[in-house]
PDB file of N, CA and C in Angstrom:
ATOM      1  N   UNK A   1     -57.584  -9.937-133.866  1.00  0.00           N
ATOM      2  CA  UNK A   1     -56.521 -10.905-133.850  1.00  0.00           C
ATOM      3  C   UNK A   1     -55.465 -10.523-134.883  1.00  0.00           C
ATOM      4  N   UNK A   2     -54.260 -10.843-134.549  1.00  0.00           N
ATOM      5  CA  UNK A   2     -53.188 -10.563-135.482  1.00  0.00           C
ATOM      6  C   UNK A   2     -52.633  -9.161-135.395  1.00  0.00           C
ATOM      7  N   UNK A   3     -53.112  -8.375-134.456  1.00  0.00           N
ATOM      8  CA  UNK A   3     -52.617  -7.018-134.300  1.00  0.00           C
ATOM      9  C   UNK A   3     -51.435  -6.952-133.356  1.00  0.00           C
ATOM     10  N   UNK A   4     -50.926  -5.761-133.176  1.00  0.00           N
ATOM     11  CA  UNK A   4     -49.824  -5.514-132.244  1.00  0.00           C
ATOM     12  C   UNK A   4     -50.323  -5.712-130.806  1.00  0.00           C
ATOM     13  N   UNK A   5     -49.501  -6.305-129.979  1.00  0.00           N
ATOM     14  CA  UNK A   5     -49.840  -6.562-128.581  1.00  0.00           C
ATOM     15  C   UNK A   5     -50.135  -5.238-127.877  1.00  0.00           C
ATOM     16  N   UNK A   6     -51.318  -5.094-127.311  1.00  0.00           N
ATOM     17  CA  UNK A   6     -51.743  -3.856-126.640  1.00  0.00           C
ATOM     18  C   UNK A   6     -50.788  -3.471-125.516  1.00  0.00           C
ATOM     19  N   UNK A   7     -50.162  -4.444-124.876  1.00  0.00           N
ATOM     20  CA  UNK A   7     -49.284  -4.167-123.744  1.00  0.00           C
ATOM     21  C   UNK A   7     -47.910  -3.655-124.177  1.00  0.00           C
ATOM     22  N   UNK A   8     -47.661  -3.659-125.484  1.00  0.00           N
ATOM     23  CA  UNK A   8     -46.418  -3.113-126.031  1.00  0.00           C
ATOM     24  C   UNK A   8     -46.635  -1.755-126.695  1.00  0.00           C
ATOM     25  N   UNK A   9     -47.815  -1.194-126.579  1.00  0.00           N
ATOM     26  CA  UNK A   9     -48.173   0.045-127.278  1.00  0.00           C
ATOM     27  C   UNK A   9     -48.155   1.250-126.341  1.00  0.00           C
ATOM     28  N   UNK A  10     -47.859   2.408-126.916  1.00  0.00           N
ATOM     29  CA  UNK A  10     -48.096   3.674-126.235  1.00  0.00           C
ATOM     30  C   UNK A  10     -48.932   4.515-127.185  1.00  0.00           C
ATOM     31  N   UNK A  11     -49.657   5.467-126.670  1.00  0.00           N
ATOM     32  CA  UNK A  11     -50.609   6.218-127.475  1.00  0.00           C
ATOM     33  C   UNK A  11     -50.360   7.708-127.326  1.00  0.00           C
ATOM     34  N   UNK A  12     -50.384   8.404-128.447  1.00  0.00           N
ATOM     35  CA  UNK A  12     -50.201   9.850-128.467  1.00  0.00           C
ATOM     36  C   UNK A  12     -51.448  10.493-129.066  1.00  0.00           C
ATOM     37  N   UNK A  13     -51.896  11.575-128.467  1.00  0.00           N
ATOM     38  CA  UNK A  13     -53.011  12.326-129.037  1.00  0.00           C
ATOM     39  C   UNK A  13     -54.327  11.602-128.936  1.00  0.00           C
ATOM     40  N   UNK A  14     -55.181  11.879-129.908  1.00  0.00           N
ATOM     41  CA  UNK A  14     -56.518  11.291-129.926  1.00  0.00           C
ATOM     42  C   UNK A  14     -56.471   9.841-130.385  1.00  0.00           C
ATOM     43  N   UNK A  15     -57.336   9.033-129.808  1.00  0.00           N
ATOM     44  CA  UNK A  15     -57.407   7.615-130.138  1.00  0.00           C
ATOM     45  C   UNK A  15     -58.858   7.272-130.430  1.00  0.00           C
ATOM     46  N   UNK A  16     -59.088   6.550-131.507  1.00  0.00           N
ATOM     47  CA  UNK A  16     -60.413   6.000-131.807  1.00  0.00           C
ATOM     48  C   UNK A  16     -60.304   4.488-131.654  1.00  0.00           C
ATOM     49  N   UNK A  17     -61.167   3.926-130.880  1.00  0.00           N
ATOM     50  CA  UNK A  17     -61.165   2.481-130.652  1.00  0.00           C
ATOM     51  C   UNK A  17     -62.346   1.885-131.400  1.00  0.00           C
ATOM     52  N   UNK A  18     -62.076   0.981-132.320  1.00  0.00           N
ATOM     53  CA  UNK A  18     -63.110   0.299-133.091  1.00  0.00           C
ATOM     54  C   UNK A  18     -63.016  -1.180-132.753  1.00  0.00           C
ATOM     55  N   UNK A  19     -64.111  -1.740-132.268  1.00  0.00           N
ATOM     56  CA  UNK A  19     -64.127  -3.138-131.846  1.00  0.00           C
ATOM     57  C   UNK A  19     -64.995  -3.958-132.798  1.00  0.00           C
ATOM     58  N   UNK A  20     -64.544  -5.158-133.101  1.00  0.00           N
ATOM     59  CA  UNK A  20     -65.325  -6.050-133.946  1.00  0.00           C
ATOM     60  C   UNK A  20     -65.830  -7.226-133.143  1.00  0.00           C
ATOM     61  N   UNK A  21     -66.842  -7.882-133.680  1.00  0.00           N
ATOM     62  CA  UNK A  21     -67.354  -9.053-132.967  1.00  0.00           C
ATOM     63  C   UNK A  21     -66.537 -10.289-133.320  1.00  0.00           C
ATOM     64  N   UNK A  22     -66.707 -11.326-132.534  1.00  0.00           N
ATOM     65  CA  UNK A  22     -65.890 -12.527-132.699  1.00  0.00           C
ATOM     66  C   UNK A  22     -66.145 -13.216-134.033  1.00  0.00           C
ATOM     67  N   UNK A  23     -67.380 -13.209-134.474  1.00  0.00           N
ATOM     68  CA  UNK A  23     -67.724 -13.913-135.709  1.00  0.00           C
ATOM     69  C   UNK A  23     -67.228 -13.237-136.969  1.00  0.00           C
ATOM     70  N   UNK A  24     -67.327 -11.904-137.015  1.00  0.00           N
ATOM     71  CA  UNK A  24     -67.003 -11.186-138.252  1.00  0.00           C
ATOM     72  C   UNK A  24     -65.814 -10.249-138.139  1.00  0.00           C
ATOM     73  N   UNK A  25     -65.410  -9.910-136.943  1.00  0.00           N
ATOM     74  CA  UNK A  25     -64.294  -8.981-136.774  1.00  0.00           C
ATOM     75  C   UNK A  25     -64.643  -7.598-137.284  1.00  0.00           C
ATOM     76  N   UNK A  26     -63.641  -6.872-137.756  1.00  0.00           N
ATOM     77  CA  UNK A  26     -63.850  -5.524-138.278  1.00  0.00           C
ATOM     78  C   UNK A  26     -64.180  -5.572-139.763  1.00  0.00           C
ATOM     79  N   UNK A  27     -64.850  -4.538-140.226  1.00  0.00           N
ATOM     80  CA  UNK A  27     -65.126  -4.439-141.659  1.00  0.00           C
ATOM     81  C   UNK A  27     -63.827  -4.175-142.404  1.00  0.00           C
ATOM     82  N   UNK A  28     -63.818  -4.473-143.687  1.00  0.00           N
ATOM     83  CA  UNK A  28     -62.645  -4.188-144.508  1.00  0.00           C
ATOM     84  C   UNK A  28     -62.327  -2.702-144.487  1.00  0.00           C
ATOM     85  N   UNK A  29     -63.351  -1.856-144.514  1.00  0.00           N
ATOM     86  CA  UNK A  29     -63.154  -0.406-144.477  1.00  0.00           C
ATOM     87  C   UNK A  29     -62.401   0.005-143.212  1.00  0.00           C
ATOM     88  N   UNK A  30     -62.818  -0.521-142.068  1.00  0.00           N
ATOM     89  CA  UNK A  30     -62.165  -0.186-140.800  1.00  0.00           C
ATOM     90  C   UNK A  30     -60.720  -0.645-140.786  1.00  0.00           C
ATOM     91  N   UNK A  31     -60.467  -1.844-141.247  1.00  0.00           N
ATOM     92  CA  UNK A  31     -59.095  -2.371-141.273  1.00  0.00           C
ATOM     93  C   UNK A  31     -58.201  -1.562-142.205  1.00  0.00           C
ATOM     94  N   UNK A  32     -58.707  -1.220-143.376  1.00  0.00           N
ATOM     95  CA  UNK A  32     -57.910  -0.502-144.360  1.00  0.00           C
ATOM     96  C   UNK A  32     -57.608   0.933-143.934  1.00  0.00           C
ATOM     97  N   UNK A  33     -58.462   1.516-143.106  1.00  0.00           N
ATOM     98  CA  UNK A  33     -58.290   2.905-142.697  1.00  0.00           C
ATOM     99  C   UNK A  33     -57.706   3.075-141.300  1.00  0.00           C
ATOM    100  N   UNK A  34     -57.387   1.976-140.657  1.00  0.00           N
ATOM    101  CA  UNK A  34     -56.806   2.039-139.318  1.00  0.00           C
ATOM    102  C   UNK A  34     -55.332   2.406-139.400  1.00  0.00           C
ATOM    103  N   UNK A  35     -54.912   3.269-138.488  1.00  0.00           N
ATOM    104  CA  UNK A  35     -53.490   3.612-138.403  1.00  0.00           C
ATOM    105  C   UNK A  35     -52.699   2.423-137.871  1.00  0.00           C
ATOM    106  N   UNK A  36     -53.305   1.718-136.919  1.00  0.00           N
ATOM    107  CA  UNK A  36     -52.656   0.549-136.324  1.00  0.00           C
ATOM    108  C   UNK A  36     -53.730  -0.416-135.843  1.00  0.00           C
ATOM    109  N   UNK A  37     -53.437  -1.690-135.919  1.00  0.00           N
ATOM    110  CA  UNK A  37     -54.343  -2.719-135.408  1.00  0.00           C
ATOM    111  C   UNK A  37     -53.699  -3.338-134.175  1.00  0.00           C
ATOM    112  N   UNK A  38     -54.461  -3.417-133.100  1.00  0.00           N
ATOM    113  CA  UNK A  38     -53.951  -3.980-131.849  1.00  0.00           C
ATOM    114  C   UNK A  38     -54.802  -5.173-131.444  1.00  0.00           C
ATOM    115  N   UNK A  39     -54.275  -5.983-130.560  1.00  0.00           N
ATOM    116  CA  UNK A  39     -55.037  -7.109-130.033  1.00  0.00           C
ATOM    117  C   UNK A  39     -54.571  -7.427-128.620  1.00  0.00           C
ATOM    118  N   UNK A  40     -55.388  -8.173-127.928  1.00  0.00           N
ATOM    119  CA  UNK A  40     -55.050  -8.651-126.588  1.00  0.00           C
ATOM    120  C   UNK A  40     -54.445 -10.034-126.703  1.00  0.00           C
ATOM    121  N   UNK A  41     -53.271 -10.257-126.118  1.00  0.00           N
ATOM    122  CA  UNK A  41     -52.712 -11.608-126.139  1.00  0.00           C
ATOM    123  C   UNK A  41     -53.551 -12.505-125.223  1.00  0.00           C
ATOM    124  N   UNK A  42     -53.789 -13.709-125.653  1.00  0.00           N
ATOM    125  CA  UNK A  42     -54.621 -14.625-124.876  1.00  0.00           C
ATOM    126  C   UNK A  42     -53.775 -15.808-124.399  1.00  0.00           C
ATOM    127  N   UNK A  43     -53.982 -16.194-123.142  1.00  0.00           N
ATOM    128  CA  UNK A  43     -53.322 -17.393-122.610  1.00  0.00           C
ATOM    129  C   UNK A  43     -53.890 -18.618-123.322  1.00  0.00           C
ATOM    130  N   UNK A  44     -53.163 -19.679-123.321  1.00  0.00           N
ATOM    131  CA  UNK A  44     -53.582 -20.894-124.025  1.00  0.00           C
ATOM    132  C   UNK A  44     -54.929 -21.437-123.574  1.00  0.00           C
ATOM    133  N   UNK A  45     -55.314 -21.177-122.342  1.00  0.00           N
ATOM    134  CA  UNK A  45     -56.563 -21.738-121.828  1.00  0.00           C
ATOM    135  C   UNK A  45     -57.796 -20.919-122.219  1.00  0.00           C
ATOM    136  N   UNK A  46     -57.592 -19.723-122.805  1.00  0.00           N
ATOM    137  CA  UNK A  46     -58.714 -18.873-123.198  1.00  0.00           C
ATOM    138  C   UNK A  46     -58.742 -18.718-124.709  1.00  0.00           C
ATOM    139  N   UNK A  47     -59.929 -18.849-125.273  1.00  0.00           N
ATOM    140  CA  UNK A  47     -60.061 -18.684-126.723  1.00  0.00           C
ATOM    141  C   UNK A  47     -60.381 -17.241-127.083  1.00  0.00           C
ATOM    142  N   UNK A  48     -61.263 -16.599-126.306  1.00  0.00           N
ATOM    143  CA  UNK A  48     -61.654 -15.233-126.634  1.00  0.00           C
ATOM    144  C   UNK A  48     -62.280 -14.565-125.410  1.00  0.00           C
ATOM    145  N   UNK A  49     -62.474 -13.258-125.529  1.00  0.00           N
ATOM    146  CA  UNK A  49     -63.150 -12.479-124.495  1.00  0.00           C
ATOM    147  C   UNK A  49     -64.402 -11.839-125.092  1.00  0.00           C
ATOM    148  N   UNK A  50     -65.382 -11.617-124.268  1.00  0.00           N
ATOM    149  CA  UNK A  50     -66.538 -10.824-124.650  1.00  0.00           C
ATOM    150  C   UNK A  50     -66.042  -9.457-125.102  1.00  0.00           C
ATOM    151  N   UNK A  51     -66.651  -8.876-126.135  1.00  0.00           N
ATOM    152  CA  UNK A  51     -66.171  -7.611-126.682  1.00  0.00           C
ATOM    153  C   UNK A  51     -66.211  -6.490-125.645  1.00  0.00           C
ATOM    154  N   UNK A  52     -67.169  -6.502-124.731  1.00  0.00           N
ATOM    155  CA  UNK A  52     -67.233  -5.472-123.688  1.00  0.00           C
ATOM    156  C   UNK A  52     -66.047  -5.599-122.732  1.00  0.00           C
ATOM    157  N   UNK A  53     -65.684  -6.811-122.378  1.00  0.00           N
ATOM    158  CA  UNK A  53     -64.542  -7.041-121.487  1.00  0.00           C
ATOM    159  C   UNK A  53     -63.251  -6.651-122.204  1.00  0.00           C
ATOM    160  N   UNK A  54     -63.095  -7.107-123.435  1.00  0.00           N
ATOM    161  CA  UNK A  54     -61.895  -6.777-124.210  1.00  0.00           C
ATOM    162  C   UNK A  54     -61.768  -5.268-124.383  1.00  0.00           C
ATOM    163  N   UNK A  55     -62.872  -4.610-124.704  1.00  0.00           N
ATOM    164  CA  UNK A  55     -62.856  -3.157-124.864  1.00  0.00           C
ATOM    165  C   UNK A  55     -62.468  -2.448-123.585  1.00  0.00           C
ATOM    166  N   UNK A  56     -62.945  -2.938-122.456  1.00  0.00           N
ATOM    167  CA  UNK A  56     -62.605  -2.339-121.165  1.00  0.00           C
ATOM    168  C   UNK A  56     -61.114  -2.449-120.867  1.00  0.00           C
ATOM    169  N   UNK A  57     -60.536  -3.614-121.116  1.00  0.00           N
ATOM    170  CA  UNK A  57     -59.102  -3.806-120.890  1.00  0.00           C
ATOM    171  C   UNK A  57     -58.301  -2.892-121.814  1.00  0.00           C
ATOM    172  N   UNK A  58     -58.701  -2.829-123.079  1.00  0.00           N
ATOM    173  CA  UNK A  58     -57.999  -1.981-124.051  1.00  0.00           C
ATOM    174  C   UNK A  58     -58.117  -0.513-123.673  1.00  0.00           C
ATOM    175  N   UNK A  59     -59.310  -0.054-123.276  1.00  0.00           N
ATOM    176  CA  UNK A  59     -59.476   1.348-122.881  1.00  0.00           C
ATOM    177  C   UNK A  59     -58.636   1.684-121.657  1.00  0.00           C
ATOM    178  N   UNK A  60     -58.527   0.760-120.718  1.00  0.00           N
ATOM    179  CA  UNK A  60     -57.680   0.988-119.555  1.00  0.00           C
ATOM    180  C   UNK A  60     -56.228   1.147-119.985  1.00  0.00           C
ATOM    181  N   UNK A  61     -55.763   0.276-120.867  1.00  0.00           N
ATOM    182  CA  UNK A  61     -54.385   0.363-121.345  1.00  0.00           C
ATOM    183  C   UNK A  61     -54.141   1.667-122.098  1.00  0.00           C
ATOM    184  N   UNK A  62     -55.092   2.083-122.909  1.00  0.00           N
ATOM    185  CA  UNK A  62     -54.955   3.352-123.627  1.00  0.00           C
ATOM    186  C   UNK A  62     -54.833   4.495-122.618  1.00  0.00           C
ATOM    187  N   UNK A  63     -55.709   4.522-121.628  1.00  0.00           N
ATOM    188  CA  UNK A  63     -55.685   5.562-120.610  1.00  0.00           C
ATOM    189  C   UNK A  63     -54.359   5.560-119.837  1.00  0.00           C
ATOM    190  N   UNK A  64     -53.900   4.364-119.471  1.00  0.00           N
ATOM    191  CA  UNK A  64     -52.688   4.244-118.660  1.00  0.00           C
ATOM    192  C   UNK A  64     -51.422   4.574-119.449  1.00  0.00           C
ATOM    193  N   UNK A  65     -51.485   4.460-120.777  1.00  0.00           N
ATOM    194  CA  UNK A  65     -50.284   4.644-121.590  1.00  0.00           C
ATOM    195  C   UNK A  65     -50.364   5.796-122.568  1.00  0.00           C
ATOM    196  N   UNK A  66     -51.249   6.741-122.329  1.00  0.00           N
ATOM    197  CA  UNK A  66     -51.331   7.930-123.169  1.00  0.00           C
ATOM    198  C   UNK A  66     -50.268   8.915-122.733  1.00  0.00           C
ATOM    199  N   UNK A  67     -49.480   9.376-123.687  1.00  0.00           N
ATOM    200  CA  UNK A  67     -48.408  10.320-123.383  1.00  0.00           C
ATOM    201  C   UNK A  67     -48.702  11.664-123.990  1.00  0.00           C
TER     202      UNK A  67
END
C-alpha cells in the first residue's frame, strides 16, 4: 500500500518482485532496499486481495509492460 500505481509503471531490464502479507507487509530491509514500491489500486468495495492473486496481476502487468 502506498506505492506507485502498477498500471502507471513501465519496467526495464530485470525485475524482482517482493510481496508482503496483509498483516505485516514487507520487512523494513525490503522497503529500504527497493528501487520502487508499487501497489494495486483497489475499488472502494474491495479492501484487499489474496497475495497470490495480487502477485499474479502484478506479474502480468510487468510482463505486458516490459520494454
